[in-house]
Amino acid sequence: RYFVGHEVSFEEATARLDEISVASSYHPMVMAAGGAVGSS
C-alpha cells in the first residue's frame, strides 16, 4: 500500500522487503508457550 502511494527507490524497496523477510513479532519462548497452551 505504501509502494502504491509513494515514490520508492529500488534499493529502498528491496531493503524493506529483506527486513520483512526476517521480521518476527514474538519471542520464541512466547510462541512456544502459545503452542503449548493450544495443545493442552
PDB file of all heavy atoms in Angstrom:
ATOM      1  N   ARG A   1       0.836  -1.215   0.000  1.00  0.00           N
ATOM      2  CA  ARG A   1       0.000   0.000   0.000  1.00  0.00           C
ATOM      3  C   ARG A   1       0.868   1.263   0.000  1.00  0.00           C
ATOM      4  O   ARG A   1       0.541   2.244  -0.659  1.00  0.00           O
ATOM      5  CB  ARG A   1      -0.935  -0.008   1.205  1.00  0.00           C
ATOM      6  CG  ARG A   1      -1.955  -1.152   1.172  1.00  0.00           C
ATOM      7  CD  ARG A   1      -2.952  -1.031   2.314  1.00  0.00           C
ATOM      8  NE  ARG A   1      -3.886  -2.158   2.330  1.00  0.00           N
ATOM      9  CZ  ARG A   1      -3.738  -3.251   3.056  1.00  0.00           C
ATOM     10  NH1 ARG A   1      -2.674  -3.364   3.855  1.00  0.00           N
ATOM     11  NH2 ARG A   1      -4.618  -4.223   3.014  1.00  0.00           N
ATOM     12  N   TYR A   2       1.964   1.218   0.753  1.00  0.00           N
ATOM     13  CA  TYR A   2       2.877   2.359   0.768  1.00  0.00           C
ATOM     14  C   TYR A   2       3.537   2.537  -0.603  1.00  0.00           C
ATOM     15  O   TYR A   2       3.694   3.655  -1.096  1.00  0.00           O
ATOM     16  CB  TYR A   2       3.941   2.162   1.843  1.00  0.00           C
ATOM     17  CG  TYR A   2       4.922   3.305   1.954  1.00  0.00           C
ATOM     18  CD1 TYR A   2       4.621   4.445   2.699  1.00  0.00           C
ATOM     19  CD2 TYR A   2       6.145   3.252   1.298  1.00  0.00           C
ATOM     20  CE1 TYR A   2       5.513   5.501   2.787  1.00  0.00           C
ATOM     21  CE2 TYR A   2       7.050   4.294   1.381  1.00  0.00           C
ATOM     22  CZ  TYR A   2       6.726   5.422   2.128  1.00  0.00           C
ATOM     23  OH  TYR A   2       7.619   6.466   2.201  1.00  0.00           O
ATOM     24  N   PHE A   3       3.910   1.428  -1.218  1.00  0.00           N
ATOM     25  CA  PHE A   3       4.563   1.466  -2.526  1.00  0.00           C
ATOM     26  C   PHE A   3       3.642   2.076  -3.579  1.00  0.00           C
ATOM     27  O   PHE A   3       4.097   2.826  -4.451  1.00  0.00           O
ATOM     28  CB  PHE A   3       4.960   0.045  -2.938  1.00  0.00           C
ATOM     29  CG  PHE A   3       5.738  -0.036  -4.215  1.00  0.00           C
ATOM     30  CD1 PHE A   3       7.113   0.119  -4.221  1.00  0.00           C
ATOM     31  CD2 PHE A   3       5.085  -0.276  -5.418  1.00  0.00           C
ATOM     32  CE1 PHE A   3       7.830   0.045  -5.414  1.00  0.00           C
ATOM     33  CE2 PHE A   3       5.785  -0.346  -6.609  1.00  0.00           C
ATOM     34  CZ  PHE A   3       7.172  -0.184  -6.611  1.00  0.00           C
ATOM     35  N   VAL A   4       2.365   1.751  -3.483  1.00  0.00           N
ATOM     36  CA  VAL A   4       1.397   2.276  -4.449  1.00  0.00           C
ATOM     37  C   VAL A   4       1.241   3.785  -4.321  1.00  0.00           C
ATOM     38  O   VAL A   4       1.123   4.498  -5.329  1.00  0.00           O
ATOM     39  CB  VAL A   4       0.033   1.578  -4.263  1.00  0.00           C
ATOM     40  CG1 VAL A   4      -1.049   2.290  -5.068  1.00  0.00           C
ATOM     41  CG2 VAL A   4       0.122   0.118  -4.680  1.00  0.00           C
ATOM     42  N   GLY A   5       1.287   4.306  -3.102  1.00  0.00           N
ATOM     43  CA  GLY A   5       1.012   5.724  -2.891  1.00  0.00           C
ATOM     44  C   GLY A   5       2.224   6.627  -2.806  1.00  0.00           C
ATOM     45  O   GLY A   5       2.061   7.841  -2.671  1.00  0.00           O
ATOM     46  N   HIS A   6       3.422   6.071  -2.862  1.00  0.00           N
ATOM     47  CA  HIS A   6       4.628   6.892  -2.708  1.00  0.00           C
ATOM     48  C   HIS A   6       5.694   6.501  -3.732  1.00  0.00           C
ATOM     49  O   HIS A   6       5.675   5.391  -4.259  1.00  0.00           O
ATOM     50  CB  HIS A   6       5.218   6.733  -1.300  1.00  0.00           C
ATOM     51  CG  HIS A   6       4.283   7.140  -0.202  1.00  0.00           C
ATOM     52  ND1 HIS A   6       3.257   6.328   0.239  1.00  0.00           N
ATOM     53  CD2 HIS A   6       4.221   8.289   0.545  1.00  0.00           C
ATOM     54  CE1 HIS A   6       2.614   6.942   1.210  1.00  0.00           C
ATOM     55  NE2 HIS A   6       3.162   8.128   1.408  1.00  0.00           N
ATOM     56  N   GLU A   7       6.604   7.432  -3.971  1.00  0.00           N
ATOM     57  CA  GLU A   7       7.760   7.145  -4.820  1.00  0.00           C
ATOM     58  C   GLU A   7       8.812   6.441  -3.973  1.00  0.00           C
ATOM     59  O   GLU A   7       9.294   6.993  -2.979  1.00  0.00           O
ATOM     60  CB  GLU A   7       8.332   8.434  -5.410  1.00  0.00           C
ATOM     61  CG  GLU A   7       7.444   9.083  -6.455  1.00  0.00           C
ATOM     62  CD  GLU A   7       7.297   8.215  -7.696  1.00  0.00           C
ATOM     63  OE1 GLU A   7       8.251   7.473  -8.008  1.00  0.00           O
ATOM     64  OE2 GLU A   7       6.238   8.269  -8.332  1.00  0.00           O
ATOM     65  N   VAL A   8       9.139   5.240  -4.357  1.00  0.00           N
ATOM     66  CA  VAL A   8      10.096   4.423  -3.601  1.00  0.00           C
ATOM     67  C   VAL A   8      11.193   3.946  -4.546  1.00  0.00           C
ATOM     68  O   VAL A   8      10.898   3.448  -5.636  1.00  0.00           O
ATOM     69  CB  VAL A   8       9.401   3.198  -2.961  1.00  0.00           C
ATOM     70  CG1 VAL A   8      10.393   2.390  -2.137  1.00  0.00           C
ATOM     71  CG2 VAL A   8       8.227   3.641  -2.107  1.00  0.00           C
ATOM     72  N   SER A   9      12.444   4.113  -4.132  1.00  0.00           N
ATOM     73  CA  SER A   9      13.558   3.652  -4.962  1.00  0.00           C
ATOM     74  C   SER A   9      13.670   2.132  -4.898  1.00  0.00           C
ATOM     75  O   SER A   9      13.141   1.485  -3.981  1.00  0.00           O
ATOM     76  CB  SER A   9      14.870   4.282  -4.496  1.00  0.00           C
ATOM     77  OG  SER A   9      15.225   3.810  -3.208  1.00  0.00           O
ATOM     78  N   PHE A  10      14.365   1.575  -5.881  1.00  0.00           N
ATOM     79  CA  PHE A  10      14.539   0.128  -5.921  1.00  0.00           C
ATOM     80  C   PHE A  10      15.319  -0.356  -4.705  1.00  0.00           C
ATOM     81  O   PHE A  10      14.984  -1.378  -4.099  1.00  0.00           O
ATOM     82  CB  PHE A  10      15.273  -0.264  -7.205  1.00  0.00           C
ATOM     83  CG  PHE A  10      15.531  -1.736  -7.325  1.00  0.00           C
ATOM     84  CD1 PHE A  10      14.488  -2.622  -7.578  1.00  0.00           C
ATOM     85  CD2 PHE A  10      16.813  -2.235  -7.175  1.00  0.00           C
ATOM     86  CE1 PHE A  10      14.730  -3.991  -7.691  1.00  0.00           C
ATOM     87  CE2 PHE A  10      17.059  -3.603  -7.285  1.00  0.00           C
ATOM     88  CZ  PHE A  10      16.013  -4.481  -7.547  1.00  0.00           C
ATOM     89  N   GLU A  11      16.353   0.373  -4.332  1.00  0.00           N
ATOM     90  CA  GLU A  11      17.168  -0.014  -3.183  1.00  0.00           C
ATOM     91  C   GLU A  11      16.369   0.037  -1.889  1.00  0.00           C
ATOM     92  O   GLU A  11      16.470  -0.847  -1.035  1.00  0.00           O
ATOM     93  CB  GLU A  11      18.404   0.891  -3.063  1.00  0.00           C
ATOM     94  CG  GLU A  11      19.426   0.726  -4.176  1.00  0.00           C
ATOM     95  CD  GLU A  11      18.973   1.360  -5.490  1.00  0.00           C
ATOM     96  OE1 GLU A  11      18.017   2.171  -5.456  1.00  0.00           O
ATOM     97  OE2 GLU A  11      19.568   1.029  -6.531  1.00  0.00           O
ATOM     98  N   GLU A  12      15.548   1.075  -1.745  1.00  0.00           N
ATOM     99  CA  GLU A  12      14.726   1.205  -0.544  1.00  0.00           C
ATOM    100  C   GLU A  12      13.695   0.084  -0.464  1.00  0.00           C
ATOM    101  O   GLU A  12      13.464  -0.496   0.610  1.00  0.00           O
ATOM    102  CB  GLU A  12      14.012   2.561  -0.550  1.00  0.00           C
ATOM    103  CG  GLU A  12      13.147   2.810   0.678  1.00  0.00           C
ATOM    104  CD  GLU A  12      12.402   4.119   0.604  1.00  0.00           C
ATOM    105  OE1 GLU A  12      12.649   4.895  -0.347  1.00  0.00           O
ATOM    106  OE2 GLU A  12      11.558   4.380   1.493  1.00  0.00           O
ATOM    107  N   ALA A  13      13.079  -0.237  -1.591  1.00  0.00           N
ATOM    108  CA  ALA A  13      12.056  -1.283  -1.602  1.00  0.00           C
ATOM    109  C   ALA A  13      12.654  -2.648  -1.275  1.00  0.00           C
ATOM    110  O   ALA A  13      12.107  -3.404  -0.464  1.00  0.00           O
ATOM    111  CB  ALA A  13      11.371  -1.326  -2.967  1.00  0.00           C
ATOM    112  N   THR A  14      13.780  -2.982  -1.905  1.00  0.00           N
ATOM    113  CA  THR A  14      14.395  -4.284  -1.655  1.00  0.00           C
ATOM    114  C   THR A  14      14.916  -4.390  -0.223  1.00  0.00           C
ATOM    115  O   THR A  14      14.822  -5.454   0.394  1.00  0.00           O
ATOM    116  CB  THR A  14      15.545  -4.537  -2.640  1.00  0.00           C
ATOM    117  OG1 THR A  14      16.463  -3.435  -2.610  1.00  0.00           O
ATOM    118  CG2 THR A  14      15.013  -4.708  -4.049  1.00  0.00           C
ATOM    119  N   ALA A  15      15.449  -3.284   0.298  1.00  0.00           N
ATOM    120  CA  ALA A  15      15.934  -3.307   1.678  1.00  0.00           C
ATOM    121  C   ALA A  15      14.779  -3.533   2.650  1.00  0.00           C
ATOM    122  O   ALA A  15      14.908  -4.291   3.620  1.00  0.00           O
ATOM    123  CB  ALA A  15      16.659  -1.999   2.002  1.00  0.00           C
ATOM    124  N   ARG A  16      13.647  -2.882   2.395  1.00  0.00           N
ATOM    125  CA  ARG A  16      12.484  -3.048   3.265  1.00  0.00           C
ATOM    126  C   ARG A  16      11.951  -4.477   3.199  1.00  0.00           C
ATOM    127  O   ARG A  16      11.595  -5.074   4.223  1.00  0.00           O
ATOM    128  CB  ARG A  16      11.394  -2.056   2.860  1.00  0.00           C
ATOM    129  CG  ARG A  16      10.106  -2.176   3.665  1.00  0.00           C
ATOM    130  CD  ARG A  16      10.353  -2.062   5.154  1.00  0.00           C
ATOM    131  NE  ARG A  16       9.146  -2.258   5.936  1.00  0.00           N
ATOM    132  CZ  ARG A  16       9.126  -2.690   7.180  1.00  0.00           C
ATOM    133  NH1 ARG A  16      10.272  -3.005   7.792  1.00  0.00           N
ATOM    134  NH2 ARG A  16       7.986  -2.824   7.835  1.00  0.00           N
ATOM    135  N   LEU A  17      11.900  -5.050   2.015  1.00  0.00           N
ATOM    136  CA  LEU A  17      11.420  -6.421   1.870  1.00  0.00           C
ATOM    137  C   LEU A  17      12.375  -7.421   2.522  1.00  0.00           C
ATOM    138  O   LEU A  17      11.938  -8.434   3.085  1.00  0.00           O
ATOM    139  CB  LEU A  17      11.227  -6.756   0.392  1.00  0.00           C
ATOM    140  CG  LEU A  17      10.050  -6.052  -0.291  1.00  0.00           C
ATOM    141  CD1 LEU A  17      10.062  -6.301  -1.793  1.00  0.00           C
ATOM    142  CD2 LEU A  17       8.723  -6.510   0.309  1.00  0.00           C
ATOM    143  N   ASP A  18      13.671  -7.134   2.458  1.00  0.00           N
ATOM    144  CA  ASP A  18      14.635  -8.002   3.136  1.00  0.00           C
ATOM    145  C   ASP A  18      14.425  -7.959   4.652  1.00  0.00           C
ATOM    146  O   ASP A  18      14.561  -8.977   5.341  1.00  0.00           O
ATOM    147  CB  ASP A  18      16.063  -7.585   2.796  1.00  0.00           C
ATOM    148  CG  ASP A  18      16.450  -7.942   1.370  1.00  0.00           C
ATOM    149  OD1 ASP A  18      15.776  -8.820   0.780  1.00  0.00           O
ATOM    150  OD2 ASP A  18      17.404  -7.343   0.839  1.00  0.00           O
ATOM    151  N   GLU A  19      14.113  -6.781   5.176  1.00  0.00           N
ATOM    152  CA  GLU A  19      13.820  -6.665   6.609  1.00  0.00           C
ATOM    153  C   GLU A  19      12.566  -7.450   6.975  1.00  0.00           C
ATOM    154  O   GLU A  19      12.528  -8.140   8.000  1.00  0.00           O
ATOM    155  CB  GLU A  19      13.635  -5.186   6.985  1.00  0.00           C
ATOM    156  CG  GLU A  19      14.900  -4.351   6.892  1.00  0.00           C
ATOM    157  CD  GLU A  19      14.620  -2.891   7.190  1.00  0.00           C
ATOM    158  OE1 GLU A  19      13.448  -2.547   7.482  1.00  0.00           O
ATOM    159  OE2 GLU A  19      15.562  -2.071   7.130  1.00  0.00           O
ATOM    160  N   ILE A  20      11.551  -7.350   6.135  1.00  0.00           N
ATOM    161  CA  ILE A  20      10.299  -8.052   6.408  1.00  0.00           C
ATOM    162  C   ILE A  20      10.512  -9.562   6.387  1.00  0.00           C
ATOM    163  O   ILE A  20       9.906 -10.300   7.174  1.00  0.00           O
ATOM    164  CB  ILE A  20       9.222  -7.641   5.383  1.00  0.00           C
ATOM    165  CG1 ILE A  20       8.857  -6.172   5.563  1.00  0.00           C
ATOM    166  CG2 ILE A  20       7.984  -8.524   5.502  1.00  0.00           C
ATOM    167  CD1 ILE A  20       7.891  -5.649   4.517  1.00  0.00           C
ATOM    168  N   SER A  21      11.376 -10.049   5.497  1.00  0.00           N
ATOM    169  CA  SER A  21      11.564 -11.489   5.343  1.00  0.00           C
ATOM    170  C   SER A  21      12.138 -12.145   6.593  1.00  0.00           C
ATOM    171  O   SER A  21      12.016 -13.371   6.763  1.00  0.00           O
ATOM    172  CB  SER A  21      12.484 -11.775   4.150  1.00  0.00           C
ATOM    173  OG  SER A  21      13.803 -11.311   4.398  1.00  0.00           O
ATOM    174  N   VAL A  22      12.763 -11.363   7.467  1.00  0.00           N
ATOM    175  CA  VAL A  22      13.339 -11.930   8.695  1.00  0.00           C
ATOM    176  C   VAL A  22      12.665 -11.361   9.944  1.00  0.00           C
ATOM    177  O   VAL A  22      13.121 -11.619  11.057  1.00  0.00           O
ATOM    178  CB  VAL A  22      14.865 -11.681   8.757  1.00  0.00           C
ATOM    179  CG1 VAL A  22      15.577 -12.405   7.629  1.00  0.00           C
ATOM    180  CG2 VAL A  22      15.181 -10.182   8.706  1.00  0.00           C
ATOM    181  N   ALA A  23      11.590 -10.597   9.749  1.00  0.00           N
ATOM    182  CA  ALA A  23      10.913  -9.989  10.892  1.00  0.00           C
ATOM    183  C   ALA A  23      10.190 -11.050  11.704  1.00  0.00           C
ATOM    184  O   ALA A  23       9.709 -12.046  11.183  1.00  0.00           O
ATOM    185  CB  ALA A  23       9.920  -8.930  10.418  1.00  0.00           C
ATOM    186  N   SER A  24      10.115 -10.825  13.003  1.00  0.00           N
ATOM    187  CA  SER A  24       9.403 -11.740  13.898  1.00  0.00           C
ATOM    188  C   SER A  24       8.640 -10.918  14.918  1.00  0.00           C
ATOM    189  O   SER A  24       9.178  -9.983  15.509  1.00  0.00           O
ATOM    190  CB  SER A  24      10.376 -12.682  14.608  1.00  0.00           C
ATOM    191  OG  SER A  24       9.702 -13.538  15.496  1.00  0.00           O
ATOM    192  N   SER A  25       7.378 -11.276  15.120  1.00  0.00           N
ATOM    193  CA  SER A  25       6.537 -10.487  16.014  1.00  0.00           C
ATOM    194  C   SER A  25       6.642 -10.922  17.467  1.00  0.00           C
ATOM    195  O   SER A  25       6.393 -10.138  18.373  1.00  0.00           O
ATOM    196  CB  SER A  25       5.076 -10.582  15.564  1.00  0.00           C
ATOM    197  OG  SER A  25       4.669 -11.945  15.514  1.00  0.00           O
ATOM    198  N   TYR A  26       6.993 -12.170  17.712  1.00  0.00           N
ATOM    199  CA  TYR A  26       7.020 -12.692  19.074  1.00  0.00           C
ATOM    200  C   TYR A  26       8.327 -13.424  19.348  1.00  0.00           C
ATOM    201  O   TYR A  26       8.938 -14.005  18.443  1.00  0.00           O
ATOM    202  CB  TYR A  26       5.850 -13.649  19.319  1.00  0.00           C
ATOM    203  CG  TYR A  26       4.494 -13.014  19.157  1.00  0.00           C
ATOM    204  CD1 TYR A  26       3.728 -13.257  18.024  1.00  0.00           C
ATOM    205  CD2 TYR A  26       3.985 -12.160  20.130  1.00  0.00           C
ATOM    206  CE1 TYR A  26       2.479 -12.667  17.870  1.00  0.00           C
ATOM    207  CE2 TYR A  26       2.750 -11.571  19.982  1.00  0.00           C
ATOM    208  CZ  TYR A  26       2.000 -11.830  18.851  1.00  0.00           C
ATOM    209  OH  TYR A  26       0.775 -11.232  18.707  1.00  0.00           O
ATOM    210  N   HIS A  27       8.722 -13.407  20.602  1.00  0.00           N
ATOM    211  CA  HIS A  27       9.900 -14.153  21.027  1.00  0.00           C
ATOM    212  C   HIS A  27       9.604 -15.647  20.948  1.00  0.00           C
ATOM    213  O   HIS A  27       8.470 -16.080  21.166  1.00  0.00           O
ATOM    214  CB  HIS A  27      10.257 -13.748  22.467  1.00  0.00           C
ATOM    215  CG  HIS A  27      11.591 -14.265  22.919  1.00  0.00           C
ATOM    216  ND1 HIS A  27      11.759 -15.536  23.437  1.00  0.00           N
ATOM    217  CD2 HIS A  27      12.814 -13.685  22.925  1.00  0.00           C
ATOM    218  CE1 HIS A  27      13.021 -15.718  23.750  1.00  0.00           C
ATOM    219  NE2 HIS A  27      13.684 -14.601  23.440  1.00  0.00           N
ATOM    220  N   PRO A  28      10.614 -16.463  20.614  1.00  0.00           N
ATOM    221  CA  PRO A  28      10.388 -17.913  20.537  1.00  0.00           C
ATOM    222  C   PRO A  28       9.767 -18.515  21.789  1.00  0.00           C
ATOM    223  O   PRO A  28       8.945 -19.442  21.701  1.00  0.00           O
ATOM    224  CB  PRO A  28      11.801 -18.466  20.302  1.00  0.00           C
ATOM    225  CG  PRO A  28      12.506 -17.368  19.579  1.00  0.00           C
ATOM    226  CD  PRO A  28      11.966 -16.097  20.152  1.00  0.00           C
ATOM    227  N   MET A  29      10.112 -17.996  22.954  1.00  0.00           N
ATOM    228  CA  MET A  29       9.533 -18.525  24.190  1.00  0.00           C
ATOM    229  C   MET A  29       8.032 -18.266  24.247  1.00  0.00           C
ATOM    230  O   MET A  29       7.255 -19.119  24.699  1.00  0.00           O
ATOM    231  CB  MET A  29      10.219 -17.895  25.398  1.00  0.00           C
ATOM    232  CG  MET A  29      11.696 -18.240  25.538  1.00  0.00           C
ATOM    233  SD  MET A  29      11.961 -19.952  26.056  1.00  0.00           S
ATOM    234  CE  MET A  29      11.472 -19.845  27.768  1.00  0.00           C
ATOM    235  N   VAL A  30       7.618 -17.087  23.779  1.00  0.00           N
ATOM    236  CA  VAL A  30       6.195 -16.747  23.774  1.00  0.00           C
ATOM    237  C   VAL A  30       5.448 -17.636  22.790  1.00  0.00           C
ATOM    238  O   VAL A  30       4.352 -18.137  23.081  1.00  0.00           O
ATOM    239  CB  VAL A  30       6.006 -15.260  23.425  1.00  0.00           C
ATOM    240  CG1 VAL A  30       4.518 -14.914  23.326  1.00  0.00           C
ATOM    241  CG2 VAL A  30       6.683 -14.383  24.469  1.00  0.00           C
ATOM    242  N   MET A  31       6.027 -17.852  21.608  1.00  0.00           N
ATOM    243  CA  MET A  31       5.386 -18.690  20.608  1.00  0.00           C
ATOM    244  C   MET A  31       5.295 -20.134  21.082  1.00  0.00           C
ATOM    245  O   MET A  31       4.289 -20.822  20.848  1.00  0.00           O
ATOM    246  CB  MET A  31       6.158 -18.611  19.293  1.00  0.00           C
ATOM    247  CG  MET A  31       6.176 -17.220  18.685  1.00  0.00           C
ATOM    248  SD  MET A  31       7.091 -17.114  17.136  1.00  0.00           S
ATOM    249  CE  MET A  31       6.029 -18.044  16.043  1.00  0.00           C
ATOM    250  N   ALA A  32       6.338 -20.610  21.768  1.00  0.00           N
ATOM    251  CA  ALA A  32       6.316 -21.969  22.298  1.00  0.00           C
ATOM    252  C   ALA A  32       5.243 -22.107  23.377  1.00  0.00           C
ATOM    253  O   ALA A  32       4.524 -23.117  23.437  1.00  0.00           O
ATOM    254  CB  ALA A  32       7.687 -22.340  22.853  1.00  0.00           C
ATOM    255  N   ALA A  33       5.125 -21.088  24.222  1.00  0.00           N
ATOM    256  CA  ALA A  33       4.104 -21.117  25.272  1.00  0.00           C
ATOM    257  C   ALA A  33       2.701 -21.102  24.666  1.00  0.00           C
ATOM    258  O   ALA A  33       1.797 -21.812  25.127  1.00  0.00           O
ATOM    259  CB  ALA A  33       4.286 -19.934  26.220  1.00  0.00           C
ATOM    260  N   GLY A  34       2.500 -20.306  23.624  1.00  0.00           N
ATOM    261  CA  GLY A  34       1.205 -20.268  22.964  1.00  0.00           C
ATOM    262  C   GLY A  34       0.831 -21.608  22.349  1.00  0.00           C
ATOM    263  O   GLY A  34      -0.303 -22.074  22.462  1.00  0.00           O
ATOM    264  N   GLY A  35       1.820 -22.254  21.696  1.00  0.00           N
ATOM    265  CA  GLY A  35       1.573 -23.575  21.129  1.00  0.00           C
ATOM    266  C   GLY A  35       1.264 -24.606  22.191  1.00  0.00           C
ATOM    267  O   GLY A  35       0.409 -25.487  21.996  1.00  0.00           O
ATOM    268  N   ALA A  36       1.933 -24.495  23.335  1.00  0.00           N
ATOM    269  CA  ALA A  36       1.709 -25.441  24.431  1.00  0.00           C
ATOM    270  C   ALA A  36       0.316 -25.270  25.037  1.00  0.00           C
ATOM    271  O   ALA A  36      -0.347 -26.254  25.382  1.00  0.00           O
ATOM    272  CB  ALA A  36       2.781 -25.249  25.497  1.00  0.00           C
ATOM    273  N   VAL A  37      -0.125 -24.022  25.163  1.00  0.00           N
ATOM    274  CA  VAL A  37      -1.469 -23.778  25.697  1.00  0.00           C
ATOM    275  C   VAL A  37      -2.528 -24.344  24.750  1.00  0.00           C
ATOM    276  O   VAL A  37      -3.497 -24.987  25.183  1.00  0.00           O
ATOM    277  CB  VAL A  37      -1.694 -22.269  25.922  1.00  0.00           C
ATOM    278  CG1 VAL A  37      -3.158 -21.981  26.245  1.00  0.00           C
ATOM    279  CG2 VAL A  37      -0.801 -21.765  27.053  1.00  0.00           C
ATOM    280  N   GLY A  38      -2.351 -24.115  23.454  1.00  0.00           N
ATOM    281  CA  GLY A  38      -3.292 -24.666  22.483  1.00  0.00           C
ATOM    282  C   GLY A  38      -3.315 -26.181  22.503  1.00  0.00           C
ATOM    283  O   GLY A  38      -4.384 -26.804  22.407  1.00  0.00           O
ATOM    284  N   SER A  39      -2.154 -26.796  22.650  1.00  0.00           N
ATOM    285  CA  SER A  39      -2.076 -28.256  22.719  1.00  0.00           C
ATOM    286  C   SER A  39      -2.789 -28.786  23.957  1.00  0.00           C
ATOM    287  O   SER A  39      -3.480 -29.810  23.904  1.00  0.00           O
ATOM    288  CB  SER A  39      -0.610 -28.700  22.725  1.00  0.00           C
ATOM    289  OG  SER A  39       0.028 -28.373  21.517  1.00  0.00           O
ATOM    290  N   SER A  40      -2.617 -28.099  25.068  1.00  0.00           N
ATOM    291  CA  SER A  40      -3.259 -28.531  26.309  1.00  0.00           C
ATOM    292  C   SER A  40      -4.776 -28.449  26.198  1.00  0.00           C
ATOM    293  O   SER A  40      -5.492 -29.341  26.672  1.00  0.00           O
ATOM    294  CB  SER A  40      -2.770 -27.663  27.477  1.00  0.00           C
ATOM    295  OG  SER A  40      -1.359 -27.759  27.611  1.00  0.00           O
TER     296      SER A  40
END
